[in-house]
Amino acid sequence: MDTQGVTIGMAGFADDAGQFYSHTPACNHRSAIAVDILKTRYNLFKLVSLLGVRSGPEEILVLEKERNGYERATLYSAMAQRVTLRKRQPYNTTSNRRRVVKTPGGKLVYHHLKKLGSAPKCGDCGVALPGVPALRPRQYATISKRQKTVTRAYGGSRCGDCVKSRILRAFLVEEAKIVKKVIKSQAKTARK
């Protein structure tokens, strides 16, 4: 007996020819499941492994072509594997994010994800400083000084453009002071 590729959705399933069949009201699919079986005989356990992670009993409809030319739809029901938390903290907070991962042995386990580090920002314009890695605060203690900073005036604190504008501003302020002093001395000599 050959099994055709079957796609299962919320309202029913469709075979490779695009023929759509509706489910019985008893079927309650939480999400669309695509089962692609091409001319192979699969047992129930292999079909269940194609499902991945689901929370509760799921149904798989497999369309089979019999020798006499008739098609037969079989409904398999399988309970998905439960995944237990590895920490005692059950709440869905930022520090308790997790991902379901399948181990080489075919078991489903939770992997707890760490918070993402944010890059240090320029104190003037707020742009992320290039050349300094984005890490969590404690991780900066484990890397060397050359990785935490940039070898330049205001390196690791201000970006290059802001330093450039600061130097230019300081130069123009000094020039303005000199011009003011010259004008004042000229005015003094003009009075005499």
N, C-alpha and C. Protein backbone atom coordinates (compact mmCIF):
# COMPACT_ATOMS: atom_id res chain seq x y z
N MET A 1 0.85 -1.19 0.00
CA MET A 1 0.00 0.00 0.00
C MET A 1 0.88 1.23 0.00
N ASP A 2 0.57 2.22 -0.81
CA ASP A 2 1.33 3.46 -0.91
C ASP A 2 0.62 4.54 -0.10
N THR A 3 1.43 5.37 0.57
CA THR A 3 0.84 6.50 1.29
C THR A 3 1.17 7.78 0.56
N GLN A 4 0.16 8.60 0.32
CA GLN A 4 0.34 9.86 -0.40
C GLN A 4 0.69 10.96 0.60
N GLY A 5 1.31 12.06 0.11
CA GLY A 5 1.60 13.21 0.96
C GLY A 5 0.30 13.89 1.38
N VAL A 6 0.16 14.17 2.65
CA VAL A 6 -1.08 14.73 3.17
C VAL A 6 -0.75 15.97 3.98
N THR A 7 -1.49 17.05 3.76
CA THR A 7 -1.34 18.26 4.56
C THR A 7 -2.58 18.44 5.41
N ILE A 8 -2.38 18.60 6.72
CA ILE A 8 -3.51 18.73 7.64
C ILE A 8 -3.59 20.15 8.14
N GLY A 9 -4.77 20.75 8.14
CA GLY A 9 -4.95 22.12 8.61
C GLY A 9 -6.01 22.21 9.68
N MET A 10 -6.44 23.46 9.97
CA MET A 10 -7.42 23.70 11.03
C MET A 10 -8.78 23.10 10.66
N ALA A 11 -9.17 23.18 9.39
CA ALA A 11 -10.51 22.77 9.00
C ALA A 11 -10.55 21.42 8.32
N GLY A 12 -9.41 20.88 7.89
CA GLY A 12 -9.44 19.61 7.21
C GLY A 12 -8.07 19.23 6.68
N PHE A 13 -8.03 18.37 5.68
CA PHE A 13 -6.75 17.98 5.11
C PHE A 13 -6.86 17.94 3.60
N ALA A 14 -5.72 18.10 2.94
CA ALA A 14 -5.69 18.09 1.47
C ALA A 14 -4.63 17.12 1.02
N ASP A 15 -4.90 16.36 -0.02
CA ASP A 15 -3.89 15.44 -0.54
C ASP A 15 -3.06 16.15 -1.61
N ASP A 16 -2.14 15.37 -2.23
CA ASP A 16 -1.24 15.96 -3.25
C ASP A 16 -2.00 16.50 -4.45
N ALA A 17 -3.16 15.91 -4.76
CA ALA A 17 -3.93 16.35 -5.93
C ALA A 17 -4.69 17.64 -5.65
N GLY A 18 -4.63 18.13 -4.39
CA GLY A 18 -5.32 19.37 -4.05
C GLY A 18 -6.75 19.15 -3.62
N GLN A 19 -7.17 17.86 -3.50
CA GLN A 19 -8.52 17.53 -3.04
C GLN A 19 -8.62 17.83 -1.54
N PHE A 20 -9.65 18.58 -1.14
CA PHE A 20 -9.79 18.98 0.26
C PHE A 20 -10.87 18.15 0.94
N TYR A 21 -10.56 17.64 2.14
CA TYR A 21 -11.51 16.86 2.93
C TYR A 21 -11.67 17.53 4.28
N SER A 22 -12.91 17.61 4.78
CA SER A 22 -13.11 18.28 6.07
C SER A 22 -13.02 17.27 7.21
N HIS A 23 -12.56 17.76 8.38
CA HIS A 23 -12.47 16.92 9.57
C HIS A 23 -13.84 16.71 10.19
N THR A 24 -13.93 15.72 11.03
CA THR A 24 -15.11 15.57 11.87
C THR A 24 -15.04 16.61 12.97
N PRO A 25 -16.17 17.06 13.55
CA PRO A 25 -16.13 18.09 14.59
C PRO A 25 -15.32 17.69 15.82
N ALA A 26 -15.12 16.37 16.00
CA ALA A 26 -14.38 15.91 17.18
C ALA A 26 -12.91 16.30 17.12
N CYS A 27 -12.38 16.47 15.90
CA CYS A 27 -10.96 16.81 15.75
C CYS A 27 -10.73 18.26 16.16
N ASN A 28 -9.75 18.47 17.02
CA ASN A 28 -9.47 19.82 17.49
C ASN A 28 -7.99 20.10 17.28
N HIS A 29 -7.61 20.59 16.07
CA HIS A 29 -6.20 20.85 15.76
C HIS A 29 -5.82 22.25 16.19
N ARG A 30 -4.78 22.35 17.01
CA ARG A 30 -4.36 23.66 17.49
C ARG A 30 -3.56 24.41 16.44
N SER A 31 -2.86 23.69 15.60
CA SER A 31 -2.10 24.34 14.54
C SER A 31 -1.99 23.40 13.35
N ALA A 32 -1.68 23.96 12.20
CA ALA A 32 -1.59 23.15 10.99
C ALA A 32 -0.40 22.22 11.07
N ILE A 33 -0.58 20.99 10.68
CA ILE A 33 0.50 20.00 10.72
C ILE A 33 0.70 19.51 9.29
N ALA A 34 1.92 19.56 8.84
CA ALA A 34 2.20 19.08 7.49
C ALA A 34 2.93 17.75 7.58
N VAL A 35 2.32 16.72 7.08
CA VAL A 35 2.94 15.40 7.08
C VAL A 35 3.20 15.04 5.62
N ASP A 36 4.46 14.91 5.28
CA ASP A 36 4.80 14.65 3.88
C ASP A 36 5.39 13.25 3.77
N ILE A 37 4.56 12.31 3.39
CA ILE A 37 5.00 10.92 3.30
C ILE A 37 4.91 10.50 1.84
N LEU A 38 6.04 10.11 1.26
CA LEU A 38 6.06 9.77 -0.15
C LEU A 38 6.40 8.29 -0.33
N LYS A 39 5.40 7.52 -0.71
CA LYS A 39 5.56 6.12 -1.07
C LYS A 39 6.40 5.33 -0.07
N THR A 40 6.14 5.52 1.22
CA THR A 40 6.85 4.79 2.27
C THR A 40 5.83 4.31 3.30
N ARG A 41 6.12 3.21 3.95
CA ARG A 41 5.23 2.73 5.01
C ARG A 41 5.78 3.21 6.34
N TYR A 42 4.99 4.01 7.05
CA TYR A 42 5.40 4.57 8.34
C TYR A 42 4.57 3.95 9.44
N ASN A 43 5.19 3.65 10.56
CA ASN A 43 4.41 3.21 11.70
C ASN A 43 4.00 4.42 12.53
N LEU A 44 3.22 4.21 13.56
CA LEU A 44 2.67 5.30 14.36
C LEU A 44 3.75 6.15 15.00
N PHE A 45 4.82 5.50 15.50
CA PHE A 45 5.86 6.25 16.21
C PHE A 45 6.59 7.21 15.29
N LYS A 46 6.84 6.81 14.05
CA LYS A 46 7.50 7.70 13.10
C LYS A 46 6.60 8.88 12.75
N LEU A 47 5.30 8.62 12.66
CA LEU A 47 4.36 9.70 12.38
C LEU A 47 4.33 10.69 13.52
N VAL A 48 4.38 10.18 14.76
CA VAL A 48 4.36 11.04 15.94
C VAL A 48 5.62 11.91 15.97
N SER A 49 6.77 11.35 15.60
CA SER A 49 8.01 12.12 15.62
C SER A 49 7.99 13.25 14.59
N LEU A 50 7.22 13.08 13.49
CA LEU A 50 7.08 14.15 12.50
C LEU A 50 6.33 15.35 13.06
N LEU A 51 5.49 15.10 14.07
CA LEU A 51 4.68 16.17 14.63
C LEU A 51 5.50 17.22 15.36
N GLY A 52 6.57 16.81 16.04
CA GLY A 52 7.32 17.76 16.86
C GLY A 52 6.65 17.94 18.19
N VAL A 53 6.68 19.17 18.73
CA VAL A 53 6.14 19.44 20.06
C VAL A 53 4.72 19.93 19.95
N ARG A 54 3.81 19.32 20.65
CA ARG A 54 2.42 19.76 20.72
C ARG A 54 1.96 19.61 22.16
N SER A 55 0.98 20.37 22.58
CA SER A 55 0.52 20.28 23.96
C SER A 55 -0.84 19.61 24.02
N GLY A 56 -0.84 18.29 23.98
CA GLY A 56 -2.10 17.57 24.08
C GLY A 56 -2.23 16.55 22.98
N PRO A 57 -3.31 15.77 23.00
CA PRO A 57 -3.47 14.75 21.96
C PRO A 57 -3.73 15.38 20.61
N GLU A 58 -3.07 14.87 19.59
CA GLU A 58 -3.23 15.39 18.23
C GLU A 58 -3.65 14.24 17.31
N GLU A 59 -4.30 14.58 16.24
CA GLU A 59 -4.70 13.57 15.27
C GLU A 59 -3.92 13.77 13.98
N ILE A 60 -3.50 12.66 13.37
CA ILE A 60 -2.83 12.71 12.08
C ILE A 60 -3.68 11.90 11.10
N LEU A 61 -4.04 12.51 10.00
CA LEU A 61 -4.79 11.79 8.97
C LEU A 61 -3.84 11.37 7.87
N VAL A 62 -3.80 10.09 7.57
CA VAL A 62 -2.94 9.59 6.51
C VAL A 62 -3.83 8.99 5.42
N LEU A 63 -3.62 9.46 4.21
CA LEU A 63 -4.42 9.00 3.08
C LEU A 63 -3.66 7.85 2.41
N GLU A 64 -4.29 6.67 2.34
CA GLU A 64 -3.61 5.50 1.79
C GLU A 64 -4.34 5.02 0.54
N LYS A 65 -3.57 4.63 -0.46
CA LYS A 65 -4.15 4.10 -1.70
C LYS A 65 -4.07 2.58 -1.64
N GLU A 66 -5.22 1.94 -1.71
CA GLU A 66 -5.23 0.49 -1.64
C GLU A 66 -5.09 -0.11 -3.05
N ARG A 67 -4.88 -1.45 -3.10
CA ARG A 67 -4.65 -2.12 -4.38
C ARG A 67 -5.84 -1.99 -5.34
N ASN A 68 -7.04 -1.98 -4.78
CA ASN A 68 -8.22 -1.92 -5.64
C ASN A 68 -8.50 -0.51 -6.18
N GLY A 69 -7.61 0.47 -5.86
CA GLY A 69 -7.76 1.82 -6.40
C GLY A 69 -8.50 2.78 -5.49
N TYR A 70 -9.15 2.27 -4.44
CA TYR A 70 -9.85 3.13 -3.50
C TYR A 70 -8.86 3.78 -2.53
N GLU A 71 -9.23 4.97 -2.03
CA GLU A 71 -8.39 5.65 -1.03
C GLU A 71 -9.01 5.49 0.33
N ARG A 72 -8.16 5.31 1.33
CA ARG A 72 -8.66 5.15 2.69
C ARG A 72 -7.93 6.13 3.61
N ALA A 73 -8.69 6.89 4.41
CA ALA A 73 -8.07 7.84 5.35
C ALA A 73 -8.07 7.21 6.73
N THR A 74 -6.88 7.19 7.36
CA THR A 74 -6.75 6.64 8.71
C THR A 74 -6.40 7.76 9.67
N LEU A 75 -7.08 7.81 10.81
CA LEU A 75 -6.83 8.85 11.80
C LEU A 75 -6.02 8.25 12.94
N TYR A 76 -4.77 8.71 13.09
CA TYR A 76 -3.93 8.26 14.20
C TYR A 76 -3.97 9.32 15.29
N SER A 77 -4.06 8.90 16.52
CA SER A 77 -4.06 9.85 17.63
C SER A 77 -2.83 9.58 18.48
N ALA A 78 -2.09 10.63 18.81
CA ALA A 78 -0.86 10.46 19.57
C ALA A 78 -0.73 11.54 20.61
N MET A 79 -0.21 11.20 21.77
CA MET A 79 0.02 12.17 22.83
C MET A 79 1.45 12.69 22.69
N ALA A 80 1.62 14.01 22.67
CA ALA A 80 2.96 14.60 22.54
C ALA A 80 3.73 14.44 23.84
N GLN A 81 5.05 14.42 23.72
CA GLN A 81 5.88 14.25 24.91
C GLN A 81 5.83 15.50 25.78
N ARG A 82 5.71 15.32 27.09
CA ARG A 82 5.69 16.46 28.01
C ARG A 82 7.11 16.95 28.24
N VAL A 83 7.24 18.25 28.40
CA VAL A 83 8.55 18.85 28.65
C VAL A 83 8.50 19.50 30.03
N THR A 84 9.41 19.10 30.92
CA THR A 84 9.39 19.65 32.28
C THR A 84 10.41 20.77 32.42
N LEU A 85 10.09 21.71 33.29
CA LEU A 85 11.01 22.84 33.54
C LEU A 85 12.24 22.35 34.28
N ARG A 86 13.38 22.96 34.02
CA ARG A 86 14.62 22.55 34.65
C ARG A 86 14.95 23.43 35.86
N LYS A 87 14.28 24.57 35.96
CA LYS A 87 14.48 25.46 37.10
C LYS A 87 13.23 25.45 37.96
N ARG A 88 13.33 25.98 39.15
CA ARG A 88 12.15 26.03 40.04
C ARG A 88 11.32 27.27 39.79
N GLN A 89 11.75 28.12 38.87
CA GLN A 89 11.03 29.37 38.58
C GLN A 89 10.05 29.12 37.44
N PRO A 90 8.74 29.08 37.70
CA PRO A 90 7.80 28.70 36.64
C PRO A 90 7.27 29.84 35.79
N TYR A 91 7.59 31.10 36.15
CA TYR A 91 6.95 32.23 35.49
C TYR A 91 7.65 32.60 34.18
N ASN A 92 6.86 33.13 33.26
CA ASN A 92 7.38 33.47 31.93
C ASN A 92 7.97 34.88 31.94
N THR A 93 9.08 35.03 32.61
CA THR A 93 9.72 36.34 32.72
C THR A 93 10.88 36.44 31.75
N THR A 94 11.48 37.63 31.68
CA THR A 94 12.59 37.86 30.74
C THR A 94 13.80 36.99 31.09
N SER A 95 14.02 36.78 32.39
CA SER A 95 15.19 36.00 32.81
C SER A 95 14.93 34.50 32.75
N ASN A 96 13.68 34.10 32.42
CA ASN A 96 13.33 32.68 32.39
C ASN A 96 12.84 32.24 31.01
N ARG A 97 13.42 32.85 29.96
CA ARG A 97 13.04 32.45 28.60
C ARG A 97 13.62 31.07 28.30
N ARG A 98 12.88 30.29 27.52
CA ARG A 98 13.36 28.94 27.22
C ARG A 98 12.96 28.52 25.80
N ARG A 99 13.64 27.51 25.29
CA ARG A 99 13.39 26.99 23.96
C ARG A 99 13.34 25.47 24.04
N VAL A 100 12.44 24.86 23.31
CA VAL A 100 12.35 23.40 23.29
C VAL A 100 13.34 22.88 22.25
N VAL A 101 14.20 21.96 22.69
CA VAL A 101 15.25 21.41 21.82
C VAL A 101 15.15 19.89 21.84
N LYS A 102 15.32 19.28 20.68
CA LYS A 102 15.32 17.81 20.61
C LYS A 102 16.75 17.32 20.73
N THR A 103 17.01 16.44 21.70
CA THR A 103 18.34 15.89 21.93
C THR A 103 18.64 14.81 20.89
N PRO A 104 19.92 14.39 20.76
CA PRO A 104 20.24 13.32 19.80
C PRO A 104 19.48 12.02 20.07
N GLY A 105 19.05 11.82 21.32
CA GLY A 105 18.29 10.63 21.67
C GLY A 105 16.81 10.73 21.34
N GLY A 106 16.38 11.87 20.78
CA GLY A 106 14.99 12.04 20.39
C GLY A 106 14.10 12.58 21.51
N LYS A 107 14.71 12.98 22.63
CA LYS A 107 13.94 13.50 23.76
C LYS A 107 13.80 15.01 23.62
N LEU A 108 12.69 15.56 24.10
CA LEU A 108 12.48 17.01 24.06
C LEU A 108 12.81 17.60 25.43
N VAL A 109 13.69 18.60 25.45
CA VAL A 109 14.08 19.24 26.70
C VAL A 109 14.04 20.76 26.55
N TYR A 110 13.93 21.45 27.66
CA TYR A 110 13.99 22.91 27.66
C TYR A 110 15.44 23.36 27.73
N HIS A 111 15.79 24.36 26.94
CA HIS A 111 17.06 25.07 27.07
C HIS A 111 16.74 26.47 27.55
N HIS A 112 17.28 26.87 28.69
CA HIS A 112 17.04 28.21 29.20
C HIS A 112 17.96 29.18 28.47
N LEU A 113 17.38 30.26 27.95
CA LEU A 113 18.14 31.23 27.16
C LEU A 113 18.60 32.37 28.05
N LYS A 114 19.80 32.84 27.81
CA LYS A 114 20.32 33.97 28.58
C LYS A 114 19.82 35.28 27.98
N LYS A 115 19.82 36.31 28.79
CA LYS A 115 19.42 37.63 28.29
C LYS A 115 20.45 38.13 27.30
N LEU A 116 20.00 38.87 26.31
CA LEU A 116 20.92 39.42 25.31
C LEU A 116 21.62 40.64 25.89
N GLY A 117 22.92 40.77 25.58
CA GLY A 117 23.67 41.94 26.04
C GLY A 117 23.41 43.13 25.13
N SER A 118 23.42 44.32 25.71
CA SER A 118 23.24 45.52 24.89
C SER A 118 24.58 46.24 24.79
N ALA A 119 24.85 46.80 23.63
CA ALA A 119 26.13 47.46 23.37
C ALA A 119 26.21 48.78 24.14
N PRO A 120 27.42 49.17 24.60
CA PRO A 120 27.56 50.48 25.25
C PRO A 120 27.25 51.59 24.26
N LYS A 121 26.59 52.63 24.74
CA LYS A 121 26.14 53.73 23.87
C LYS A 121 27.03 54.97 24.07
N CYS A 122 27.08 55.79 23.03
CA CYS A 122 27.79 57.06 23.11
C CYS A 122 27.03 57.99 24.06
N GLY A 123 27.76 58.65 24.96
CA GLY A 123 27.12 59.53 25.94
C GLY A 123 26.50 60.78 25.35
N ASP A 124 26.93 61.18 24.15
CA ASP A 124 26.39 62.40 23.53
C ASP A 124 25.23 62.10 22.58
N CYS A 125 25.48 61.23 21.60
CA CYS A 125 24.44 61.00 20.58
C CYS A 125 23.64 59.72 20.80
N GLY A 126 24.11 58.81 21.67
CA GLY A 126 23.35 57.60 22.00
C GLY A 126 23.50 56.45 21.03
N VAL A 127 24.42 56.55 20.06
CA VAL A 127 24.62 55.47 19.10
C VAL A 127 25.49 54.38 19.76
N ALA A 128 25.30 53.11 19.35
CA ALA A 128 26.11 52.01 19.89
C ALA A 128 27.56 52.20 19.48
N LEU A 129 28.48 52.06 20.45
CA LEU A 129 29.89 52.32 20.16
C LEU A 129 30.49 51.20 19.31
N PRO A 130 31.02 51.53 18.14
CA PRO A 130 31.66 50.49 17.32
C PRO A 130 33.00 50.08 17.94
N GLY A 131 33.30 48.80 17.85
CA GLY A 131 34.57 48.30 18.38
C GLY A 131 34.48 47.78 19.79
N VAL A 132 33.33 47.95 20.46
CA VAL A 132 33.16 47.44 21.82
C VAL A 132 32.05 46.39 21.77
N PRO A 133 32.31 45.16 22.26
CA PRO A 133 31.30 44.10 22.14
C PRO A 133 30.08 44.34 23.03
N ALA A 134 28.93 43.81 22.59
CA ALA A 134 27.69 43.92 23.37
C ALA A 134 27.59 42.70 24.28
N LEU A 135 27.83 42.88 25.56
CA LEU A 135 27.80 41.79 26.54
C LEU A 135 26.91 42.14 27.71
N ARG A 136 26.65 41.13 28.57
CA ARG A 136 25.98 41.38 29.83
C ARG A 136 26.98 42.05 30.77
N PRO A 137 26.53 42.87 31.74
CA PRO A 137 27.45 43.64 32.57
C PRO A 137 28.57 42.82 33.23
N ARG A 138 28.24 41.64 33.73
CA ARG A 138 29.26 40.84 34.43
C ARG A 138 30.31 40.30 33.47
N GLN A 139 29.97 40.14 32.20
CA GLN A 139 30.90 39.59 31.22
C GLN A 139 32.04 40.55 30.90
N TYR A 140 31.83 41.85 31.12
CA TYR A 140 32.91 42.81 30.85
C TYR A 140 34.09 42.61 31.80
N ALA A 141 33.84 41.99 32.96
CA ALA A 141 34.93 41.72 33.91
C ALA A 141 35.85 40.63 33.40
N THR A 142 35.35 39.78 32.51
CA THR A 142 36.15 38.64 32.05
C THR A 142 36.96 38.93 30.79
N ILE A 143 36.72 40.08 30.13
CA ILE A 143 37.49 40.38 28.92
C ILE A 143 38.56 41.44 29.23
N SER A 144 39.58 41.51 28.38
CA SER A 144 40.71 42.43 28.62
C SER A 144 40.32 43.87 28.32
N LYS A 145 41.16 44.79 28.78
CA LYS A 145 40.88 46.22 28.64
C LYS A 145 40.83 46.65 27.17
N ARG A 146 41.71 46.07 26.36
CA ARG A 146 41.75 46.47 24.94
C ARG A 146 40.46 46.12 24.21
N GLN A 147 39.71 45.12 24.72
CA GLN A 147 38.43 44.75 24.10
C GLN A 147 37.28 45.63 24.58
N LYS A 148 37.46 46.26 25.74
CA LYS A 148 36.39 47.08 26.31
C LYS A 148 36.42 48.52 25.85
N THR A 149 37.50 48.92 25.23
CA THR A 149 37.67 50.34 24.87
C THR A 149 38.24 50.48 23.47
N VAL A 150 38.37 51.73 23.03
CA VAL A 150 38.99 52.05 21.74
C VAL A 150 40.15 53.00 22.06
N THR A 151 41.32 52.76 21.46
CA THR A 151 42.49 53.57 21.78
C THR A 151 42.42 54.92 21.06
N ARG A 152 41.70 55.84 21.69
CA ARG A 152 41.49 57.18 21.15
C ARG A 152 41.02 58.03 22.32
N ALA A 153 41.11 59.33 22.21
CA ALA A 153 40.56 60.21 23.25
C ALA A 153 39.07 59.93 23.38
N TYR A 154 38.57 59.78 24.58
CA TYR A 154 37.17 59.43 24.87
C TYR A 154 36.80 58.04 24.32
N GLY A 155 37.79 57.15 24.13
CA GLY A 155 37.52 55.81 23.59
C GLY A 155 36.68 54.99 24.56
N GLY A 156 35.63 54.34 24.07
CA GLY A 156 34.76 53.54 24.93
C GLY A 156 33.72 54.36 25.66
N SER A 157 33.74 55.70 25.45
CA SER A 157 32.76 56.57 26.10
C SER A 157 31.98 57.39 25.08
N ARG A 158 32.70 57.94 24.07
CA ARG A 158 32.06 58.74 23.02
C ARG A 158 32.45 58.18 21.66
N CYS A 159 31.57 58.34 20.69
CA CYS A 159 31.88 57.84 19.34
C CYS A 159 32.83 58.81 18.63
N GLY A 160 33.40 58.37 17.51
CA GLY A 160 34.38 59.16 16.78
C GLY A 160 33.84 60.50 16.30
N ASP A 161 32.61 60.52 15.82
CA ASP A 161 32.02 61.76 15.30
C ASP A 161 31.85 62.80 16.40
N CYS A 162 31.41 62.33 17.60
CA CYS A 162 31.22 63.26 18.72
C CYS A 162 32.55 63.82 19.21
N VAL A 163 33.59 62.98 19.22
CA VAL A 163 34.93 63.44 19.62
C VAL A 163 35.43 64.49 18.62
N LYS A 164 35.18 64.25 17.35
CA LYS A 164 35.59 65.17 16.28
C LYS A 164 34.92 66.53 16.49
N SER A 165 33.59 66.49 16.75
CA SER A 165 32.85 67.75 16.95
C SER A 165 33.30 68.46 18.23
N ARG A 166 33.66 67.68 19.27
CA ARG A 166 34.16 68.29 20.52
C ARG A 166 35.49 69.01 20.29
N ILE A 167 36.39 68.35 19.54
CA ILE A 167 37.70 68.97 19.25
C ILE A 167 37.51 70.25 18.44
N LEU A 168 36.63 70.18 17.44
CA LEU A 168 36.34 71.35 16.59
C LEU A 168 35.74 72.49 17.42
N ARG A 169 34.79 72.13 18.32
CA ARG A 169 34.15 73.15 19.16
C ARG A 169 35.17 73.81 20.08
N ALA A 170 36.07 72.98 20.68
CA ALA A 170 37.09 73.52 21.59
C ALA A 170 38.03 74.46 20.84
N PHE A 171 38.40 74.07 19.63
CA PHE A 171 39.28 74.91 18.81
C PHE A 171 38.62 76.25 18.48
N LEU A 172 37.33 76.21 18.08
CA LEU A 172 36.61 77.43 17.73
C LEU A 172 36.41 78.35 18.95
N VAL A 173 36.18 77.76 20.12
CA VAL A 173 36.03 78.55 21.35
C VAL A 173 37.33 79.27 21.67
N GLU A 174 38.47 78.55 21.54
CA GLU A 174 39.78 79.17 21.78
C GLU A 174 40.05 80.30 20.79
N GLU A 175 39.69 80.06 19.52
CA GLU A 175 39.88 81.09 18.49
C GLU A 175 39.04 82.33 18.80
N ALA A 176 37.79 82.07 19.26
CA ALA A 176 36.90 83.20 19.60
C ALA A 176 37.48 84.01 20.76
N LYS A 177 38.09 83.33 21.75
CA LYS A 177 38.71 84.02 22.90
C LYS A 177 39.87 84.91 22.43
N ILE A 178 40.69 84.37 21.52
CA ILE A 178 41.84 85.13 21.00
C ILE A 178 41.36 86.36 20.24
N VAL A 179 40.34 86.19 19.39
CA VAL A 179 39.77 87.31 18.61
C VAL A 179 39.23 88.38 19.54
N LYS A 180 38.55 87.96 20.60
CA LYS A 180 37.97 88.89 21.57
C LYS A 180 39.07 89.71 22.26
N LYS A 181 40.17 89.00 22.61
CA LYS A 181 41.29 89.66 23.28
C LYS A 181 41.95 90.69 22.36
N VAL A 182 42.09 90.33 21.07
CA VAL A 182 42.70 91.25 20.08
C VAL A 182 41.83 92.48 19.90
N ILE A 183 40.53 92.31 19.78
CA ILE A 183 39.59 93.44 19.60
C ILE A 183 39.65 94.36 20.82
N LYS A 184 39.75 93.75 22.02
CA LYS A 184 39.79 94.54 23.26
C LYS A 184 41.07 95.39 23.31
N SER A 185 42.21 94.79 22.92
CA SER A 185 43.48 95.53 22.93
C SER A 185 43.49 96.65 21.87
N GLN A 186 42.86 96.41 20.74
CA GLN A 186 42.77 97.43 19.69
C GLN A 186 41.89 98.61 20.14
N ALA A 187 40.82 98.28 20.83
CA ALA A 187 39.95 99.34 21.34
C ALA A 187 40.66 100.19 22.38
N LYS A 188 41.54 99.57 23.20
CA LYS A 188 42.30 100.28 24.23
C LYS A 188 43.29 101.26 23.59
N THR A 189 43.98 100.79 22.55
CA THR A 189 44.94 101.66 21.85
C THR A 189 44.26 102.79 21.09
N ALA A 190 43.06 102.55 20.60
CA ALA A 190 42.31 103.58 19.86
C ALA A 190 41.88 104.71 20.79
N ARG A 191 41.61 104.40 22.06
CA ARG A 191 41.18 105.41 23.04
C ARG A 191 42.33 106.38 23.35
N LYS A 192 43.56 105.86 23.41
CA LYS A 192 44.71 106.70 23.76
C LYS A 192 45.01 107.62 22.63
